[in-house]
PDB file of N, CA and C in Angstrom:
ATOM      1  N   MET A   1       6.330   7.711  10.563  1.00  0.00           N
ATOM      2  CA  MET A   1       7.051   6.524  10.633  1.00  0.00           C
ATOM      3  C   MET A   1       7.640   6.023   9.274  1.00  0.00           C
ATOM      4  N   LYS A   2       8.687   5.460   9.118  1.00  0.00           N
ATOM      5  CA  LYS A   2       9.233   5.143   7.930  1.00  0.00           C
ATOM      6  C   LYS A   2       8.531   3.871   7.652  1.00  0.00           C
ATOM      7  N   LEU A   3       8.190   3.825   6.291  1.00  0.00           N
ATOM      8  CA  LEU A   3       7.504   2.704   5.514  1.00  0.00           C
ATOM      9  C   LEU A   3       8.220   1.415   5.812  1.00  0.00           C
ATOM     10  N   ILE A   4       9.430   1.118   5.878  1.00  0.00           N
ATOM     11  CA  ILE A   4      10.057   0.188   5.935  1.00  0.00           C
ATOM     12  C   ILE A   4      10.135  -0.673   7.226  1.00  0.00           C
ATOM     13  N   LEU A   5       9.686   0.183   8.371  1.00  0.00           N
ATOM     14  CA  LEU A   5       9.227  -0.295   9.658  1.00  0.00           C
ATOM     15  C   LEU A   5       7.784  -1.125   9.843  1.00  0.00           C
ATOM     16  N   LEU A   6       7.273  -0.775   8.568  1.00  0.00           N
ATOM     17  CA  LEU A   6       5.669  -1.713   8.391  1.00  0.00           C
ATOM     18  C   LEU A   6       5.768  -2.740   7.855  1.00  0.00           C
ATOM     19  N   GLU A   7       6.995  -3.535   7.633  1.00  0.00           N
ATOM     20  CA  GLU A   7       6.993  -4.826   6.898  1.00  0.00           C
ATOM     21  C   GLU A   7       6.615  -4.789   5.638  1.00  0.00           C
ATOM     22  N   PRO A   8       6.706  -3.888   4.896  1.00  0.00           N
ATOM     23  CA  PRO A   8       6.216  -3.842   3.506  1.00  0.00           C
ATOM     24  C   PRO A   8       6.687  -4.838   2.578  1.00  0.00           C
ATOM     25  N   ARG A   9       5.839  -5.140   1.627  1.00  0.00           N
ATOM     26  CA  ARG A   9       6.301  -6.162   0.592  1.00  0.00           C
ATOM     27  C   ARG A   9       5.415  -5.829  -0.538  1.00  0.00           C
ATOM     28  N   LEU A  10       6.204  -5.796  -1.638  1.00  0.00           N
ATOM     29  CA  LEU A  10       5.584  -5.512  -3.056  1.00  0.00           C
ATOM     30  C   LEU A  10       5.003  -6.667  -3.436  1.00  0.00           C
ATOM     31  N   LEU A  11       3.902  -6.406  -4.426  1.00  0.00           N
ATOM     32  CA  LEU A  11       2.908  -7.169  -4.688  1.00  0.00           C
ATOM     33  C   LEU A  11       2.785  -7.516  -6.092  1.00  0.00           C
ATOM     34  N   LYS A  12       2.688  -8.797  -6.635  1.00  0.00           N
ATOM     35  CA  LYS A  12       2.323  -8.899  -8.223  1.00  0.00           C
ATOM     36  C   LYS A  12       0.989  -9.735  -8.304  1.00  0.00           C
ATOM     37  N   TYR A  13       0.214  -8.763  -8.892  1.00  0.00           N
ATOM     38  CA  TYR A  13      -1.249  -9.597  -9.190  1.00  0.00           C
ATOM     39  C   TYR A  13      -1.234 -10.571 -10.030  1.00  0.00           C
ATOM     40  N   ILE A  14      -1.983 -11.971  -9.419  1.00  0.00           N
ATOM     41  CA  ILE A  14      -2.101 -13.168 -10.073  1.00  0.00           C
ATOM     42  C   ILE A  14      -3.504 -13.251 -10.557  1.00  0.00           C
ATOM     43  N   ASP A  15      -4.252 -13.372  -9.597  1.00  0.00           N
ATOM     44  CA  ASP A  15      -6.059 -13.013 -10.016  1.00  0.00           C
ATOM     45  C   ASP A  15      -6.654 -12.703  -8.863  1.00  0.00           C
ATOM     46  N   ASN A  16      -8.062 -12.772  -8.840  1.00  0.00           N
ATOM     47  CA  ASN A  16      -8.870 -12.149  -7.781  1.00  0.00           C
ATOM     48  C   ASN A  16      -8.490 -12.840  -6.298  1.00  0.00           C
ATOM     49  N   ILE A  17      -7.914 -13.758  -5.884  1.00  0.00           N
ATOM     50  CA  ILE A  17      -7.550 -14.118  -4.772  1.00  0.00           C
ATOM     51  C   ILE A  17      -6.109 -14.317  -4.673  1.00  0.00           C
ATOM     52  N   ASN A  18      -5.256 -14.383  -5.302  1.00  0.00           N
ATOM     53  CA  ASN A  18      -3.898 -14.805  -5.328  1.00  0.00           C
ATOM     54  C   ASN A  18      -2.917 -13.696  -6.096  1.00  0.00           C
ATOM     55  N   PHE A  19      -1.817 -13.358  -5.274  1.00  0.00           N
ATOM     56  CA  PHE A  19      -0.846 -12.373  -5.548  1.00  0.00           C
ATOM     57  C   PHE A  19       0.709 -12.859  -5.098  1.00  0.00           C
ATOM     58  N   ARG A  20       1.834 -12.484  -5.497  1.00  0.00           N
ATOM     59  CA  ARG A  20       2.980 -12.795  -5.042  1.00  0.00           C
ATOM     60  C   ARG A  20       3.400 -11.674  -4.236  1.00  0.00           C
ATOM     61  N   THR A  21       4.241 -12.182  -3.290  1.00  0.00           N
ATOM     62  CA  THR A  21       5.288 -11.308  -2.384  1.00  0.00           C
ATOM     63  C   THR A  21       6.686 -11.321  -2.364  1.00  0.00           C
ATOM     64  N   ASP A  22       6.962 -11.920  -3.289  1.00  0.00           N
ATOM     65  CA  ASP A  22       8.393 -12.052  -3.894  1.00  0.00           C
ATOM     66  C   ASP A  22       9.129 -11.244  -4.585  1.00  0.00           C
ATOM     67  N   ILE A  23       8.250 -10.126  -4.877  1.00  0.00           N
ATOM     68  CA  ILE A  23       8.665  -9.225  -6.021  1.00  0.00           C
ATOM     69  C   ILE A  23       9.782  -8.058  -5.188  1.00  0.00           C
ATOM     70  N   GLN A  24      10.778  -7.899  -5.746  1.00  0.00           N
ATOM     71  CA  GLN A  24      11.968  -6.965  -5.471  1.00  0.00           C
ATOM     72  C   GLN A  24      12.200  -5.693  -5.932  1.00  0.00           C
ATOM     73  N   ASN A  25      11.765  -5.194  -7.169  1.00  0.00           N
ATOM     74  CA  ASN A  25      11.653  -4.139  -7.782  1.00  0.00           C
ATOM     75  C   ASN A  25      10.393  -3.491  -7.755  1.00  0.00           C
ATOM     76  N   LEU A  26      10.177  -2.143  -7.535  1.00  0.00           N
ATOM     77  CA  LEU A  26       9.276  -1.176  -7.522  1.00  0.00           C
ATOM     78  C   LEU A  26       8.626  -1.289  -9.167  1.00  0.00           C
ATOM     79  N   ASP A  27       9.422  -1.470  -9.903  1.00  0.00           N
ATOM     80  CA  ASP A  27       9.065  -1.415 -11.213  1.00  0.00           C
ATOM     81  C   ASP A  27       8.172  -2.473 -11.914  1.00  0.00           C
ATOM     82  N   ASP A  28       8.656  -3.680 -11.063  1.00  0.00           N
ATOM     83  CA  ASP A  28       7.788  -4.905 -11.570  1.00  0.00           C
ATOM     84  C   ASP A  28       6.408  -5.273 -10.589  1.00  0.00           C
ATOM     85  N   ALA A  29       6.265  -4.341  -9.656  1.00  0.00           N
ATOM     86  CA  ALA A  29       5.049  -4.576  -8.563  1.00  0.00           C
ATOM     87  C   ALA A  29       3.899  -3.997  -9.219  1.00  0.00           C
ATOM     88  N   ASP A  30       2.681  -4.725  -8.589  1.00  0.00           N
ATOM     89  CA  ASP A  30       1.451  -4.035  -8.947  1.00  0.00           C
ATOM     90  C   ASP A  30       0.748  -3.596  -7.670  1.00  0.00           C
ATOM     91  N   GLY A  31       1.562  -3.734  -6.909  1.00  0.00           N
ATOM     92  CA  GLY A  31       1.029  -2.990  -5.485  1.00  0.00           C
ATOM     93  C   GLY A  31       1.910  -3.280  -4.165  1.00  0.00           C
ATOM     94  N   ILE A  32       1.392  -2.902  -3.180  1.00  0.00           N
ATOM     95  CA  ILE A  32       2.029  -3.039  -1.886  1.00  0.00           C
ATOM     96  C   ILE A  32       1.282  -3.571  -0.782  1.00  0.00           C
ATOM     97  N   ILE A  33       1.708  -4.005   0.143  1.00  0.00           N
ATOM     98  CA  ILE A  33       1.028  -4.404   1.327  1.00  0.00           C
ATOM     99  C   ILE A  33       1.870  -4.151   2.663  1.00  0.00           C
ATOM    100  N   PHE A  34       1.417  -3.716   3.626  1.00  0.00           N
ATOM    101  CA  PHE A  34       2.232  -3.201   4.973  1.00  0.00           C
ATOM    102  C   PHE A  34       1.210  -3.132   5.991  1.00  0.00           C
ATOM    103  N   LEU A  35       1.772  -3.314   7.272  1.00  0.00           N
ATOM    104  CA  LEU A  35       0.937  -3.355   8.279  1.00  0.00           C
ATOM    105  C   LEU A  35       0.571  -1.691   8.774  1.00  0.00           C
ATOM    106  N   CYS A  36      -0.819  -1.741   9.241  1.00  0.00           N
ATOM    107  CA  CYS A  36      -1.262  -0.570   9.720  1.00  0.00           C
ATOM    108  C   CYS A  36      -0.497   0.245  10.527  1.00  0.00           C
ATOM    109  N   PRO A  37       0.033   1.408  10.499  1.00  0.00           N
ATOM    110  CA  PRO A  37       0.630   2.100  11.468  1.00  0.00           C
ATOM    111  C   PRO A  37      -0.048   2.645  12.443  1.00  0.00           C
ATOM    112  N   LYS A  38      -1.389   2.817  12.537  1.00  0.00           N
ATOM    113  CA  LYS A  38      -2.328   2.808  13.781  1.00  0.00           C
ATOM    114  C   LYS A  38      -2.074   1.748  14.407  1.00  0.00           C
ATOM    115  N   CYS A  39      -2.546   0.884  13.892  1.00  0.00           N
ATOM    116  CA  CYS A  39      -2.947  -0.417  14.762  1.00  0.00           C
ATOM    117  C   CYS A  39      -1.241  -0.965  15.520  1.00  0.00           C
ATOM    118  N   LEU A  40      -0.383  -0.967  14.618  1.00  0.00           N
ATOM    119  CA  LEU A  40       0.930  -1.209  15.098  1.00  0.00           C
ATOM    120  C   LEU A  40       1.256  -0.322  16.279  1.00  0.00           C
ATOM    121  N   ILE A  41       1.047   0.596  16.403  1.00  0.00           N
ATOM    122  CA  ILE A  41       1.237   1.847  17.552  1.00  0.00           C
ATOM    123  C   ILE A  41       0.293   1.190  19.047  1.00  0.00           C
ATOM    124  N   GLU A  42      -0.938   1.291  18.399  1.00  0.00           N
ATOM    125  CA  GLU A  42      -1.916   0.610  19.535  1.00  0.00           C
ATOM    126  C   GLU A  42      -1.750  -0.582  20.019  1.00  0.00           C
ATOM    127  N   ASN A  43      -1.163  -1.576  19.210  1.00  0.00           N
ATOM    128  CA  ASN A  43      -1.130  -3.023  19.594  1.00  0.00           C
ATOM    129  C   ASN A  43       0.318  -3.165  20.153  1.00  0.00           C
ATOM    130  N   LYS A  44       1.053  -2.144  20.039  1.00  0.00           N
ATOM    131  CA  LYS A  44       2.588  -2.037  20.481  1.00  0.00           C
ATOM    132  C   LYS A  44       3.260  -3.526  19.643  1.00  0.00           C
ATOM    133  N   GLY A  45       3.066  -3.548  18.802  1.00  0.00           N
ATOM    134  CA  GLY A  45       3.586  -4.615  17.823  1.00  0.00           C
ATOM    135  C   GLY A  45       2.885  -5.238  16.877  1.00  0.00           C
ATOM    136  N   SER A  46       3.394  -6.043  16.081  1.00  0.00           N
ATOM    137  CA  SER A  46       2.756  -6.388  14.843  1.00  0.00           C
ATOM    138  C   SER A  46       1.360  -7.651  15.007  1.00  0.00           C
ATOM    139  N   ILE A  47       1.584  -8.239  16.473  1.00  0.00           N
ATOM    140  CA  ILE A  47       0.528  -9.102  16.675  1.00  0.00           C
ATOM    141  C   ILE A  47      -0.878  -8.260  17.028  1.00  0.00           C
ATOM    142  N   GLY A  48      -1.676  -9.120  16.010  1.00  0.00           N
ATOM    143  CA  GLY A  48      -2.971  -8.365  16.261  1.00  0.00           C
ATOM    144  C   GLY A  48      -3.369  -7.217  15.009  1.00  0.00           C
ATOM    145  N   THR A  49      -2.178  -6.868  14.624  1.00  0.00           N
ATOM    146  CA  THR A  49      -2.324  -5.770  13.789  1.00  0.00           C
ATOM    147  C   THR A  49      -2.472  -6.323  12.072  1.00  0.00           C
ATOM    148  N   HIS A  50      -3.547  -5.429  11.462  1.00  0.00           N
ATOM    149  CA  HIS A  50      -4.056  -5.919  10.039  1.00  0.00           C
ATOM    150  C   HIS A  50      -2.899  -5.459   9.246  1.00  0.00           C
ATOM    151  N   SER A  51      -3.160  -5.563   7.908  1.00  0.00           N
ATOM    152  CA  SER A  51      -2.397  -5.071   6.575  1.00  0.00           C
ATOM    153  C   SER A  51      -3.133  -4.114   5.866  1.00  0.00           C
ATOM    154  N   ILE A  52      -2.707  -3.630   5.155  1.00  0.00           N
ATOM    155  CA  ILE A  52      -3.134  -2.732   4.112  1.00  0.00           C
ATOM    156  C   ILE A  52      -2.515  -2.854   3.053  1.00  0.00           C
ATOM    157  N   ILE A  53      -3.221  -3.127   1.848  1.00  0.00           N
ATOM    158  CA  ILE A  53      -2.974  -3.389   0.558  1.00  0.00           C
ATOM    159  C   ILE A  53      -3.439  -2.213  -0.458  1.00  0.00           C
ATOM    160  N   CYS A  54      -2.619  -1.686  -1.390  1.00  0.00           N
ATOM    161  CA  CYS A  54      -2.517  -0.644  -2.006  1.00  0.00           C
ATOM    162  C   CYS A  54      -2.157  -1.044  -3.462  1.00  0.00           C
ATOM    163  N   TRP A  55      -3.330  -1.293  -4.139  1.00  0.00           N
ATOM    164  CA  TRP A  55      -2.906  -1.581  -5.678  1.00  0.00           C
ATOM    165  C   TRP A  55      -2.592  -0.004  -6.415  1.00  0.00           C
ATOM    166  N   PHE A  56      -1.874  -0.613  -7.484  1.00  0.00           N
ATOM    167  CA  PHE A  56      -1.304   0.724  -8.373  1.00  0.00           C
ATOM    168  C   PHE A  56      -2.157   0.746  -9.552  1.00  0.00           C
ATOM    169  N   GLU A  57      -2.184   2.052 -10.051  1.00  0.00           N
ATOM    170  CA  GLU A  57      -2.894   2.145 -11.079  1.00  0.00           C
ATOM    171  C   GLU A  57      -2.746   1.631 -12.344  1.00  0.00           C
ATOM    172  N   ASP A  58      -3.605   1.020 -12.947  1.00  0.00           N
ATOM    173  CA  ASP A  58      -3.329   0.311 -14.073  1.00  0.00           C
ATOM    174  C   ASP A  58      -2.701  -0.956 -14.106  1.00  0.00           C
ATOM    175  N   CYS A  59      -2.598  -1.472 -13.007  1.00  0.00           N
ATOM    176  CA  CYS A  59      -2.103  -2.796 -12.698  1.00  0.00           C
ATOM    177  C   CYS A  59      -2.891  -3.895 -12.426  1.00  0.00           C
ATOM    178  N   VAL A  60      -4.035  -3.481 -11.798  1.00  0.00           N
ATOM    179  CA  VAL A  60      -4.845  -4.597 -11.315  1.00  0.00           C
ATOM    180  C   VAL A  60      -6.218  -3.926 -11.597  1.00  0.00           C
ATOM    181  N   PRO A  61      -7.156  -4.926 -12.013  1.00  0.00           N
ATOM    182  CA  PRO A  61      -8.758  -4.343 -12.318  1.00  0.00           C
ATOM    183  C   PRO A  61      -9.459  -3.485 -11.434  1.00  0.00           C
ATOM    184  N   ASP A  62      -9.859  -2.526 -11.621  1.00  0.00           N
ATOM    185  CA  ASP A  62     -10.456  -1.784 -10.853  1.00  0.00           C
ATOM    186  C   ASP A  62     -11.566  -2.272 -10.038  1.00  0.00           C
ATOM    187  N   ASP A  63     -12.241  -3.587 -10.360  1.00  0.00           N
ATOM    188  CA  ASP A  63     -13.179  -4.111  -9.602  1.00  0.00           C
ATOM    189  C   ASP A  63     -12.594  -5.308  -8.671  1.00  0.00           C
ATOM    190  N   ILE A  64     -11.367  -5.299  -8.400  1.00  0.00           N
ATOM    191  CA  ILE A  64     -10.346  -6.373  -7.216  1.00  0.00           C
ATOM    192  C   ILE A  64     -10.172  -5.511  -6.061  1.00  0.00           C
ATOM    193  N   ASP A  65     -10.911  -6.133  -5.057  1.00  0.00           N
ATOM    194  CA  ASP A  65     -10.603  -5.720  -3.781  1.00  0.00           C
ATOM    195  C   ASP A  65      -9.037  -5.691  -3.353  1.00  0.00           C
ATOM    196  N   PRO A  66      -8.931  -4.733  -2.476  1.00  0.00           N
ATOM    197  CA  PRO A  66      -9.611  -4.060  -1.974  1.00  0.00           C
ATOM    198  C   PRO A  66      -9.768  -2.526  -3.092  1.00  0.00           C
ATOM    199  N   LYS A  67     -10.882  -2.010  -3.129  1.00  0.00           N
ATOM    200  CA  LYS A  67     -11.097  -0.865  -3.857  1.00  0.00           C
ATOM    201  C   LYS A  67     -11.986   0.064  -3.200  1.00  0.00           C
ATOM    202  N   PRO A  68     -12.110   1.227  -3.870  1.00  0.00           N
ATOM    203  CA  PRO A  68     -12.135   1.778  -5.227  1.00  0.00           C
ATOM    204  C   PRO A  68     -10.791   2.034  -5.628  1.00  0.00           C
ATOM    205  N   GLY A  69      -9.896   2.659  -4.541  1.00  0.00           N
ATOM    206  CA  GLY A  69      -8.707   3.457  -4.570  1.00  0.00           C
ATOM    207  C   GLY A  69      -7.689   2.521  -5.601  1.00  0.00           C
ATOM    208  N   ARG A  70      -7.035   3.469  -6.302  1.00  0.00           N
ATOM    209  CA  ARG A  70      -5.623   2.693  -7.090  1.00  0.00           C
ATOM    210  C   ARG A  70      -4.694   3.885  -7.050  1.00  0.00           C
ATOM    211  N   TRP A  71      -3.322   3.611  -6.667  1.00  0.00           N
ATOM    212  CA  TRP A  71      -2.417   4.687  -6.497  1.00  0.00           C
ATOM    213  C   TRP A  71      -1.304   4.633  -7.626  1.00  0.00           C
ATOM    214  N   THR A  72      -0.676   5.794  -7.825  1.00  0.00           N
ATOM    215  CA  THR A  72       0.435   5.837  -8.734  1.00  0.00           C
ATOM    216  C   THR A  72       1.699   6.106  -7.810  1.00  0.00           C
ATOM    217  N   PRO A  73       2.403   4.998  -7.853  1.00  0.00           N
ATOM    218  CA  PRO A  73       3.818   4.977  -7.283  1.00  0.00           C
ATOM    219  C   PRO A  73       5.061   5.972  -7.781  1.00  0.00           C
ATOM    220  N   GLN A  74       5.722   6.541  -7.187  1.00  0.00           N
ATOM    221  CA  GLN A  74       6.802   7.219  -7.803  1.00  0.00           C
ATOM    222  C   GLN A  74       8.220   6.904  -6.554  1.00  0.00           C
ATOM    223  N   GLY A  75       9.382   6.647  -7.248  1.00  0.00           N
ATOM    224  CA  GLY A  75      10.494   6.511  -6.414  1.00  0.00           C
ATOM    225  C   GLY A  75      11.143   5.114  -7.084  1.00  0.00           C
ATOM    226  N   HIS A  76      12.439   4.911  -6.246  1.00  0.00           N
ATOM    227  CA  HIS A  76      13.162   4.230  -6.658  1.00  0.00           C
ATOM    228  C   HIS A  76      13.002   2.492  -5.990  1.00  0.00           C
ATOM    229  N   ASP A  77      12.377   2.845  -4.671  1.00  0.00           N
ATOM    230  CA  ASP A  77      12.382   1.472  -4.130  1.00  0.00           C
ATOM    231  C   ASP A  77      11.290   1.881  -2.777  1.00  0.00           C
ATOM    232  N   LEU A  78      11.264   0.961  -2.006  1.00  0.00           N
ATOM    233  CA  LEU A  78      10.485   1.618  -0.757  1.00  0.00           C
ATOM    234  C   LEU A  78      10.934   2.650   0.448  1.00  0.00           C
ATOM    235  N   THR A  79      12.057   2.939   0.384  1.00  0.00           N
ATOM    236  CA  THR A  79      12.853   3.802   1.034  1.00  0.00           C
ATOM    237  C   THR A  79      12.236   5.273   0.572  1.00  0.00           C
ATOM    238  N   ASP A  80      11.859   5.407  -0.824  1.00  0.00           N
ATOM    239  CA  ASP A  80      11.450   6.805  -0.973  1.00  0.00           C
ATOM    240  C   ASP A  80      10.188   6.698  -1.918  1.00  0.00           C
ATOM    241  N   LEU A  81       9.599   5.562  -1.701  1.00  0.00           N
ATOM    242  CA  LEU A  81       8.034   5.633  -2.375  1.00  0.00           C
ATOM    243  C   LEU A  81       7.310   6.847  -2.087  1.00  0.00           C
ATOM    244  N   THR A  82       6.380   7.194  -3.119  1.00  0.00           N
ATOM    245  CA  THR A  82       5.814   8.526  -2.716  1.00  0.00           C
ATOM    246  C   THR A  82       4.255   7.958  -3.621  1.00  0.00           C
ATOM    247  N   PHE A  83       3.115   8.369  -3.065  1.00  0.00           N
ATOM    248  CA  PHE A  83       1.840   8.111  -4.006  1.00  0.00           C
ATOM    249  C   PHE A  83       1.522   9.484  -4.602  1.00  0.00           C
ATOM    250  N   VAL A  84       1.552   9.633  -5.828  1.00  0.00           N
ATOM    251  CA  VAL A  84       1.175  11.025  -6.465  1.00  0.00           C
ATOM    252  C   VAL A  84      -0.171  10.533  -7.388  1.00  0.00           C
ATOM    253  N   PRO A  85      -0.486  11.885  -7.821  1.00  0.00           N
ATOM    254  CA  PRO A  85      -1.775  11.870  -8.473  1.00  0.00           C
ATOM    255  C   PRO A  85      -1.602  11.110  -9.992  1.00  0.00           C
ATOM    256  N   GLY A  86      -2.173  10.203 -10.389  1.00  0.00           N
ATOM    257  CA  GLY A  86      -2.262   9.361 -11.733  1.00  0.00           C
ATOM    258  C   GLY A  86      -3.377  10.343 -12.598  1.00  0.00           C
ATOM    259  N   ILE A  87      -3.266   9.597 -13.889  1.00  0.00           N
ATOM    260  CA  ILE A  87      -3.942   9.783 -14.764  1.00  0.00           C
ATOM    261  C   ILE A  87      -5.364   9.734 -14.453  1.00  0.00           C
ATOM    262  N   LYS A  88      -5.882   8.258 -14.366  1.00  0.00           N
ATOM    263  CA  LYS A  88      -7.312   7.978 -13.971  1.00  0.00           C
ATOM    264  C   LYS A  88      -7.614   8.177 -12.409  1.00  0.00           C
ATOM    265  N   HIS A  89      -6.687   7.792 -11.541  1.00  0.00           N
ATOM    266  CA  HIS A  89      -7.059   8.050 -10.130  1.00  0.00           C
ATOM    267  C   HIS A  89      -6.550   9.040  -9.539  1.00  0.00           C
ATOM    268  N   GLN A  90      -6.806   9.691  -8.988  1.00  0.00           N
ATOM    269  CA  GLN A  90      -5.867  11.024  -8.564  1.00  0.00           C
ATOM    270  C   GLN A  90      -5.703  10.818  -6.697  1.00  0.00           C
ATOM    271  N   ALA A  91      -6.163   9.490  -6.326  1.00  0.00           N
ATOM    272  CA  ALA A  91      -5.910   9.240  -4.695  1.00  0.00           C
ATOM    273  C   ALA A  91      -4.275   9.389  -4.870  1.00  0.00           C
ATOM    274  N   VAL A  92      -4.061  10.196  -3.357  1.00  0.00           N
ATOM    275  CA  VAL A  92      -2.518  10.321  -2.910  1.00  0.00           C
ATOM    276  C   VAL A  92      -2.874   9.779  -1.465  1.00  0.00           C
ATOM    277  N   SER A  93      -3.784   9.747  -0.657  1.00  0.00           N
ATOM    278  CA  SER A  93      -3.991   9.468   0.622  1.00  0.00           C
ATOM    279  C   SER A  93      -4.757   8.047   0.684  1.00  0.00           C
ATOM    280  N   ILE A  94      -4.600   7.368   1.834  1.00  0.00           N
ATOM    281  CA  ILE A  94      -4.866   6.070   2.133  1.00  0.00           C
ATOM    282  C   ILE A  94      -6.126   6.217   2.954  1.00  0.00           C
ATOM    283  N   LYS A  95      -7.308   5.826   2.709  1.00  0.00           N
ATOM    284  CA  LYS A  95      -8.411   6.306   3.980  1.00  0.00           C
ATOM    285  C   LYS A  95      -8.898   4.549   3.868  1.00  0.00           C
ATOM    286  N   LEU A  96      -8.927   3.990   5.118  1.00  0.00           N
ATOM    287  CA  LEU A  96      -9.662   3.239   5.321  1.00  0.00           C
ATOM    288  C   LEU A  96     -11.254   3.129   5.834  1.00  0.00           C
ATOM    289  N   THR A  97     -12.000   2.278   5.331  1.00  0.00           N
ATOM    290  CA  THR A  97     -13.615   2.968   5.479  1.00  0.00           C
ATOM    291  C   THR A  97     -14.025   2.058   6.235  1.00  0.00           C
ATOM    292  N   SER A  98     -13.352   1.189   6.929  1.00  0.00           N
ATOM    293  CA  SER A  98     -13.900   0.201   7.806  1.00  0.00           C
ATOM    294  C   SER A  98     -12.708  -0.278   8.671  1.00  0.00           C
ATOM    295  N   GLY A  99     -13.056  -0.809   9.929  1.00  0.00           N
ATOM    296  CA  GLY A  99     -11.888  -1.460  10.739  1.00  0.00           C
ATOM    297  C   GLY A  99     -11.694  -0.139  11.669  1.00  0.00           C
ATOM    298  N   CYS A 100     -10.194   0.234  11.677  1.00  0.00           N
ATOM    299  CA  CYS A 100      -9.524   1.388  12.415  1.00  0.00           C
ATOM    300  C   CYS A 100     -10.068   2.561  11.830  1.00  0.00           C
ATOM    301  N   MET A 101     -10.211   2.864  10.820  1.00  0.00           N
ATOM    302  CA  MET A 101     -10.290   3.823  10.171  1.00  0.00           C
ATOM    303  C   MET A 101      -9.058   5.004   9.591  1.00  0.00           C
ATOM    304  N   TRP A 102      -7.870   4.206   9.595  1.00  0.00           N
ATOM    305  CA  TRP A 102      -6.863   4.872   9.622  1.00  0.00           C
ATOM    306  C   TRP A 102      -7.012   5.528   8.230  1.00  0.00           C
ATOM    307  N   HIS A 103      -6.122   7.114   8.224  1.00  0.00           N
ATOM    308  CA  HIS A 103      -6.280   7.878   6.938  1.00  0.00           C
ATOM    309  C   HIS A 103      -4.728   8.354   6.998  1.00  0.00           C
ATOM    310  N   GLY A 104      -3.956   8.283   5.788  1.00  0.00           N
ATOM    311  CA  GLY A 104      -2.895   8.719   5.862  1.00  0.00           C
ATOM    312  C   GLY A 104      -2.096   8.620   4.184  1.00  0.00           C
ATOM    313  N   PHE A 105      -0.901   9.053   4.644  1.00  0.00           N
ATOM    314  CA  PHE A 105       0.142   9.280   3.145  1.00  0.00           C
ATOM    315  C   PHE A 105       1.147   8.332   3.288  1.00  0.00           C
ATOM    316  N   ILE A 106       1.902   8.319   1.778  1.00  0.00           N
ATOM    317  CA  ILE A 106       2.958   7.528   1.714  1.00  0.00           C
ATOM    318  C   ILE A 106       3.767   8.686   1.126  1.00  0.00           C
ATOM    319  N   ARG A 107       4.781   9.208   1.682  1.00  0.00           N
ATOM    320  CA  ARG A 107       5.418  10.343   0.967  1.00  0.00           C
ATOM    321  C   ARG A 107       6.974  10.191   1.443  1.00  0.00           C
ATOM    322  N   ASN A 108       7.507  10.099   0.194  1.00  0.00           N
ATOM    323  CA  ASN A 108       9.469   9.779   0.210  1.00  0.00           C
ATOM    324  C   ASN A 108       9.546   8.703   1.264  1.00  0.00           C
ATOM    325  N   GLY A 109       8.977   7.809   1.220  1.00  0.00           N
ATOM    326  CA  GLY A 109       9.288   6.476   2.541  1.00  0.00           C
ATOM    327  C   GLY A 109       8.747   6.773   3.498  1.00  0.00           C
ATOM    328  N   GLU A 110       7.933   7.613   3.922  1.00  0.00           N
ATOM    329  CA  GLU A 110       7.374   7.877   5.302  1.00  0.00           C
ATOM    330  C   GLU A 110       5.875   7.639   5.244  1.00  0.00           C
ATOM    331  N   VAL A 111       5.110   7.169   6.133  1.00  0.00           N
ATOM    332  CA  VAL A 111       3.990   6.931   6.387  1.00  0.00           C
ATOM    333  C   VAL A 111       3.436   7.807   7.204  1.00  0.00           C
ATOM    334  N   ILE A 112       2.698   8.819   6.887  1.00  0.00           N
ATOM    335  CA  ILE A 112       2.136   9.903   7.524  1.00  0.00           C
ATOM    336  C   ILE A 112       0.868  10.245   7.767  1.00  0.00           C
TER     337      ILE A 112
END
């Protein structure tokens, strides 16, 4: 499924409860939020579908939720975003440990 179908928004971290969603450039972003692909399919749309936040490595303190994961983005924008191994964090997959327990990857703008 294409990431852009999951209503992604780039995030700018402000503090432990606030972030901005008006970021236009991947280079200026501290993370990304998007609809859960598993629940979007199960719910047949966005109503009742939760969002997933992925903070980027070295952009947000490691003790800020959601944790423990931090991802290293690669690409020009949301159409070709890929999570690659970072220096401190080697996470490339996204694994939810509660709720729907979705586990997947973002590769070349696709959520798989």
